PDB file of N, CA and C in Angstrom:
ATOM      1  N   UNK A   1     -12.667   0.949  11.799  1.00  0.00           N
ATOM      2  CA  UNK A   1     -11.657   1.291  10.811  1.00  0.00           C
ATOM      3  C   UNK A   1     -10.350   0.585  11.195  1.00  0.00           C
ATOM      4  N   UNK A   2      -9.840  -0.227  10.320  1.00  0.00           N
ATOM      5  CA  UNK A   2      -8.592  -0.953  10.562  1.00  0.00           C
ATOM      6  C   UNK A   2      -7.384  -0.060  10.285  1.00  0.00           C
ATOM      7  N   UNK A   3      -6.262  -0.466  10.816  1.00  0.00           N
ATOM      8  CA  UNK A   3      -5.011   0.238  10.543  1.00  0.00           C
ATOM      9  C   UNK A   3      -4.352  -0.377   9.319  1.00  0.00           C
ATOM     10  N   UNK A   4      -3.450   0.387   8.692  1.00  0.00           N
ATOM     11  CA  UNK A   4      -2.762  -0.077   7.491  1.00  0.00           C
ATOM     12  C   UNK A   4      -1.284   0.267   7.606  1.00  0.00           C
ATOM     13  N   UNK A   5      -0.454  -0.622   7.079  1.00  0.00           N
ATOM     14  CA  UNK A   5       0.992  -0.413   7.090  1.00  0.00           C
ATOM     15  C   UNK A   5       1.415   0.086   5.709  1.00  0.00           C
ATOM     16  N   UNK A   6       2.130   1.194   5.669  1.00  0.00           N
ATOM     17  CA  UNK A   6       2.540   1.799   4.399  1.00  0.00           C
ATOM     18  C   UNK A   6       3.852   1.190   3.891  1.00  0.00           C
ATOM     19  N   UNK A   7       4.259   1.647   2.714  1.00  0.00           N
ATOM     20  CA  UNK A   7       5.513   1.192   2.105  1.00  0.00           C
ATOM     21  C   UNK A   7       6.739   1.640   2.890  1.00  0.00           C
ATOM     22  N   UNK A   8       6.552   2.502   3.870  1.00  0.00           N
ATOM     23  CA  UNK A   8       7.671   2.956   4.703  1.00  0.00           C
ATOM     24  C   UNK A   8       8.120   1.881   5.692  1.00  0.00           C
ATOM     25  N   UNK A   9       7.390   0.777   5.762  1.00  0.00           N
ATOM     26  CA  UNK A   9       7.707  -0.336   6.672  1.00  0.00           C
ATOM     27  C   UNK A   9       9.138  -0.821   6.453  1.00  0.00           C
ATOM     28  N   UNK A  10       9.893  -0.953   7.561  1.00  0.00           N
ATOM     29  CA  UNK A  10      11.279  -1.429   7.478  1.00  0.00           C
ATOM     30  C   UNK A  10      11.403  -2.882   7.942  1.00  0.00           C
ATOM     31  N   UNK A  11      10.274  -3.560   8.124  1.00  0.00           N
ATOM     32  CA  UNK A  11      10.218  -4.972   8.484  1.00  0.00           C
ATOM     33  C   UNK A  11      10.950  -5.298   9.790  1.00  0.00           C
ATOM     34  N   UNK A  12      10.819  -4.434  10.781  1.00  0.00           N
ATOM     35  CA  UNK A  12      11.486  -4.674  12.061  1.00  0.00           C
ATOM     36  C   UNK A  12      10.720  -5.658  12.941  1.00  0.00           C
ATOM     37  N   UNK A  13       9.408  -5.784  12.723  1.00  0.00           N
ATOM     38  CA  UNK A  13       8.597  -6.727  13.487  1.00  0.00           C
ATOM     39  C   UNK A  13       8.046  -6.196  14.797  1.00  0.00           C
ATOM     40  N   UNK A  14       8.324  -4.957  15.128  1.00  0.00           N
ATOM     41  CA  UNK A  14       7.838  -4.386  16.393  1.00  0.00           C
ATOM     42  C   UNK A  14       6.320  -4.431  16.474  1.00  0.00           C
ATOM     43  N   UNK A  15       5.653  -4.152  15.385  1.00  0.00           N
ATOM     44  CA  UNK A  15       4.190  -4.111  15.374  1.00  0.00           C
ATOM     45  C   UNK A  15       3.576  -5.501  15.591  1.00  0.00           C
ATOM     46  N   UNK A  16       4.175  -6.500  14.992  1.00  0.00           N
ATOM     47  CA  UNK A  16       3.635  -7.856  15.084  1.00  0.00           C
ATOM     48  C   UNK A  16       3.564  -8.327  16.534  1.00  0.00           C
ATOM     49  N   UNK A  17       4.594  -8.045  17.291  1.00  0.00           N
ATOM     50  CA  UNK A  17       4.630  -8.513  18.678  1.00  0.00           C
ATOM     51  C   UNK A  17       3.731  -7.697  19.607  1.00  0.00           C
ATOM     52  N   UNK A  18       3.302  -6.504  19.195  1.00  0.00           N
ATOM     53  CA  UNK A  18       2.443  -5.686  20.054  1.00  0.00           C
ATOM     54  C   UNK A  18       0.957  -5.852  19.764  1.00  0.00           C
ATOM     55  N   UNK A  19       0.609  -6.492  18.667  1.00  0.00           N
ATOM     56  CA  UNK A  19      -0.806  -6.654  18.311  1.00  0.00           C
ATOM     57  C   UNK A  19      -1.467  -7.668  19.259  1.00  0.00           C
ATOM     58  N   UNK A  20      -2.487  -7.228  20.022  1.00  0.00           N
ATOM     59  CA  UNK A  20      -3.121  -8.132  20.994  1.00  0.00           C
ATOM     60  C   UNK A  20      -3.984  -9.230  20.384  1.00  0.00           C
ATOM     61  N   UNK A  21      -4.327  -9.100  19.097  1.00  0.00           N
ATOM     62  CA  UNK A  21      -5.175 -10.114  18.459  1.00  0.00           C
ATOM     63  C   UNK A  21      -4.463 -10.865  17.342  1.00  0.00           C
ATOM     64  N   UNK A  22      -3.181 -10.637  17.160  1.00  0.00           N
ATOM     65  CA  UNK A  22      -2.417 -11.354  16.138  1.00  0.00           C
ATOM     66  C   UNK A  22      -2.827 -11.040  14.720  1.00  0.00           C
ATOM     67  N   UNK A  23      -3.240  -9.805  14.459  1.00  0.00           N
ATOM     68  CA  UNK A  23      -3.721  -9.419  13.128  1.00  0.00           C
ATOM     69  C   UNK A  23      -2.597  -9.033  12.169  1.00  0.00           C
ATOM     70  N   UNK A  24      -1.354  -9.022  12.645  1.00  0.00           N
ATOM     71  CA  UNK A  24      -0.227  -8.587  11.812  1.00  0.00           C
ATOM     72  C   UNK A  24       0.669  -9.771  11.486  1.00  0.00           C
ATOM     73  N   UNK A  25       1.056  -9.857  10.204  1.00  0.00           N
ATOM     74  CA  UNK A  25       1.944 -10.932   9.779  1.00  0.00           C
ATOM     75  C   UNK A  25       2.912 -10.423   8.714  1.00  0.00           C
ATOM     76  N   UNK A  26       3.955 -11.180   8.488  1.00  0.00           N
ATOM     77  CA  UNK A  26       4.959 -10.816   7.483  1.00  0.00           C
ATOM     78  C   UNK A  26       4.387 -11.071   6.099  1.00  0.00           C
ATOM     79  N   UNK A  27       4.391 -10.044   5.265  1.00  0.00           N
ATOM     80  CA  UNK A  27       3.960 -10.193   3.884  1.00  0.00           C
ATOM     81  C   UNK A  27       5.169 -10.396   2.992  1.00  0.00           C
ATOM     82  N   UNK A  28       4.995 -10.275   1.704  1.00  0.00           N
ATOM     83  CA  UNK A  28       6.101 -10.471   0.758  1.00  0.00           C
ATOM     84  C   UNK A  28       7.184  -9.408   0.891  1.00  0.00           C
ATOM     85  N   UNK A  29       6.781  -8.149   1.034  1.00  0.00           N
ATOM     86  CA  UNK A  29       7.765  -7.066   1.065  1.00  0.00           C
ATOM     87  C   UNK A  29       7.703  -6.225   2.340  1.00  0.00           C
ATOM     88  N   UNK A  30       6.676  -6.441   3.165  1.00  0.00           N
ATOM     89  CA  UNK A  30       6.517  -5.688   4.408  1.00  0.00           C
ATOM     90  C   UNK A  30       5.495  -6.416   5.270  1.00  0.00           C
ATOM     91  N   UNK A  31       5.317  -5.963   6.490  1.00  0.00           N
ATOM     92  CA  UNK A  31       4.287  -6.538   7.342  1.00  0.00           C
ATOM     93  C   UNK A  31       2.921  -6.041   6.871  1.00  0.00           C
ATOM     94  N   UNK A  32       1.885  -6.848   7.115  1.00  0.00           N
ATOM     95  CA  UNK A  32       0.525  -6.505   6.704  1.00  0.00           C
ATOM     96  C   UNK A  32      -0.438  -6.727   7.863  1.00  0.00           C
ATOM     97  N   UNK A  33      -1.536  -5.975   7.863  1.00  0.00           N
ATOM     98  CA  UNK A  33      -2.559  -6.090   8.891  1.00  0.00           C
ATOM     99  C   UNK A  33      -3.816  -6.679   8.274  1.00  0.00           C
ATOM    100  N   UNK A  34      -4.345  -7.738   8.894  1.00  0.00           N
ATOM    101  CA  UNK A  34      -5.604  -8.335   8.459  1.00  0.00           C
ATOM    102  C   UNK A  34      -6.732  -7.436   8.963  1.00  0.00           C
ATOM    103  N   UNK A  35      -7.355  -6.705   8.061  1.00  0.00           N
ATOM    104  CA  UNK A  35      -8.394  -5.734   8.417  1.00  0.00           C
ATOM    105  C   UNK A  35      -9.566  -6.394   9.133  1.00  0.00           C
ATOM    106  N   UNK A  36      -9.859  -7.631   8.818  1.00  0.00           N
ATOM    107  CA  UNK A  36     -10.970  -8.331   9.456  1.00  0.00           C
ATOM    108  C   UNK A  36     -10.700  -8.698  10.900  1.00  0.00           C
ATOM    109  N   UNK A  37      -9.438  -8.804  11.268  1.00  0.00           N
ATOM    110  CA  UNK A  37      -9.065  -9.165  12.636  1.00  0.00           C
ATOM    111  C   UNK A  37      -8.694  -7.951  13.486  1.00  0.00           C
ATOM    112  N   UNK A  38      -8.323  -6.861  12.843  1.00  0.00           N
ATOM    113  CA  UNK A  38      -7.877  -5.646  13.543  1.00  0.00           C
ATOM    114  C   UNK A  38      -9.004  -5.092  14.417  1.00  0.00           C
ATOM    115  N   UNK A  39      -8.678  -4.781  15.690  1.00  0.00           N
ATOM    116  CA  UNK A  39      -9.676  -4.232  16.604  1.00  0.00           C
ATOM    117  C   UNK A  39      -9.514  -2.721  16.781  1.00  0.00           C
ATOM    118  N   UNK A  40      -8.674  -2.108  15.960  1.00  0.00           N
ATOM    119  CA  UNK A  40      -8.519  -0.654  15.934  1.00  0.00           C
ATOM    120  C   UNK A  40      -8.018  -0.079  17.263  1.00  0.00           C
ATOM    121  N   UNK A  41      -7.104  -0.808  17.917  1.00  0.00           N
ATOM    122  CA  UNK A  41      -6.614  -0.342  19.218  1.00  0.00           C
ATOM    123  C   UNK A  41      -5.451   0.642  19.091  1.00  0.00           C
ATOM    124  N   UNK A  42      -4.708   0.591  17.979  1.00  0.00           N
ATOM    125  CA  UNK A  42      -3.602   1.516  17.763  1.00  0.00           C
ATOM    126  C   UNK A  42      -2.284   1.123  18.388  1.00  0.00           C
ATOM    127  N   UNK A  43      -2.216  -0.038  19.029  1.00  0.00           N
ATOM    128  CA  UNK A  43      -0.967  -0.483  19.665  1.00  0.00           C
ATOM    129  C   UNK A  43       0.152  -0.607  18.644  1.00  0.00           C
ATOM    130  N   UNK A  44      -0.173  -1.077  17.461  1.00  0.00           N
ATOM    131  CA  UNK A  44       0.840  -1.252  16.418  1.00  0.00           C
ATOM    132  C   UNK A  44       1.420   0.088  15.974  1.00  0.00           C
ATOM    133  N   UNK A  45       0.558   1.067  15.785  1.00  0.00           N
ATOM    134  CA  UNK A  45       1.010   2.392  15.342  1.00  0.00           C
ATOM    135  C   UNK A  45       1.945   3.018  16.367  1.00  0.00           C
ATOM    136  N   UNK A  46       1.632   2.834  17.632  1.00  0.00           N
ATOM    137  CA  UNK A  46       2.454   3.404  18.694  1.00  0.00           C
ATOM    138  C   UNK A  46       3.824   2.733  18.766  1.00  0.00           C
ATOM    139  N   UNK A  47       3.913   1.474  18.318  1.00  0.00           N
ATOM    140  CA  UNK A  47       5.175   0.733  18.413  1.00  0.00           C
ATOM    141  C   UNK A  47       6.078   0.896  17.192  1.00  0.00           C
ATOM    142  N   UNK A  48       5.552   1.442  16.105  1.00  0.00           N
ATOM    143  CA  UNK A  48       6.321   1.544  14.856  1.00  0.00           C
ATOM    144  C   UNK A  48       7.377   2.655  14.941  1.00  0.00           C
ATOM    145  N   UNK A  49       8.663   2.288  14.785  1.00  0.00           N
ATOM    146  CA  UNK A  49       9.725   3.299  14.906  1.00  0.00           C
ATOM    147  C   UNK A  49       9.810   4.277  13.730  1.00  0.00           C
ATOM    148  N   UNK A  50       9.148   3.961  12.609  1.00  0.00           N
ATOM    149  CA  UNK A  50       9.208   4.842  11.439  1.00  0.00           C
ATOM    150  C   UNK A  50       7.837   5.413  11.067  1.00  0.00           C
ATOM    151  N   UNK A  51       6.879   5.283  11.957  1.00  0.00           N
ATOM    152  CA  UNK A  51       5.520   5.810  11.762  1.00  0.00           C
ATOM    153  C   UNK A  51       4.894   5.355  10.446  1.00  0.00           C
ATOM    154  N   UNK A  52       5.047   4.059  10.147  1.00  0.00           N
ATOM    155  CA  UNK A  52       4.525   3.504   8.894  1.00  0.00           C
ATOM    156  C   UNK A  52       3.095   2.987   9.032  1.00  0.00           C
ATOM    157  N   UNK A  53       2.502   3.099  10.220  1.00  0.00           N
ATOM    158  CA  UNK A  53       1.169   2.553  10.448  1.00  0.00           C
ATOM    159  C   UNK A  53       0.192   3.684  10.795  1.00  0.00           C
ATOM    160  N   UNK A  54      -0.946   3.673  10.099  1.00  0.00           N
ATOM    161  CA  UNK A  54      -1.969   4.692  10.350  1.00  0.00           C
ATOM    162  C   UNK A  54      -3.350   4.100  10.103  1.00  0.00           C
ATOM    163  N   UNK A  55      -4.402   4.775  10.613  1.00  0.00           N
ATOM    164  CA  UNK A  55      -5.766   4.303  10.346  1.00  0.00           C
ATOM    165  C   UNK A  55      -6.053   4.377   8.851  1.00  0.00           C
ATOM    166  N   UNK A  56      -6.792   3.413   8.360  1.00  0.00           N
ATOM    167  CA  UNK A  56      -7.163   3.405   6.939  1.00  0.00           C
ATOM    168  C   UNK A  56      -8.172   4.479   6.634  1.00  0.00           C
TER     169      UNK A  56
END
């Protein structure tokens, strides 16, 4: 199960730098997680200051 970033994303970039497989990138309005690359480790969710990341 991959993680997903909600609309609460404030585009701080904290999650992108913590992803060990580079599955997170800047989208048009917020950061996005490539579900095919996500290894479900949860590092991104732990780094998000606004709790915008959760398991899908």
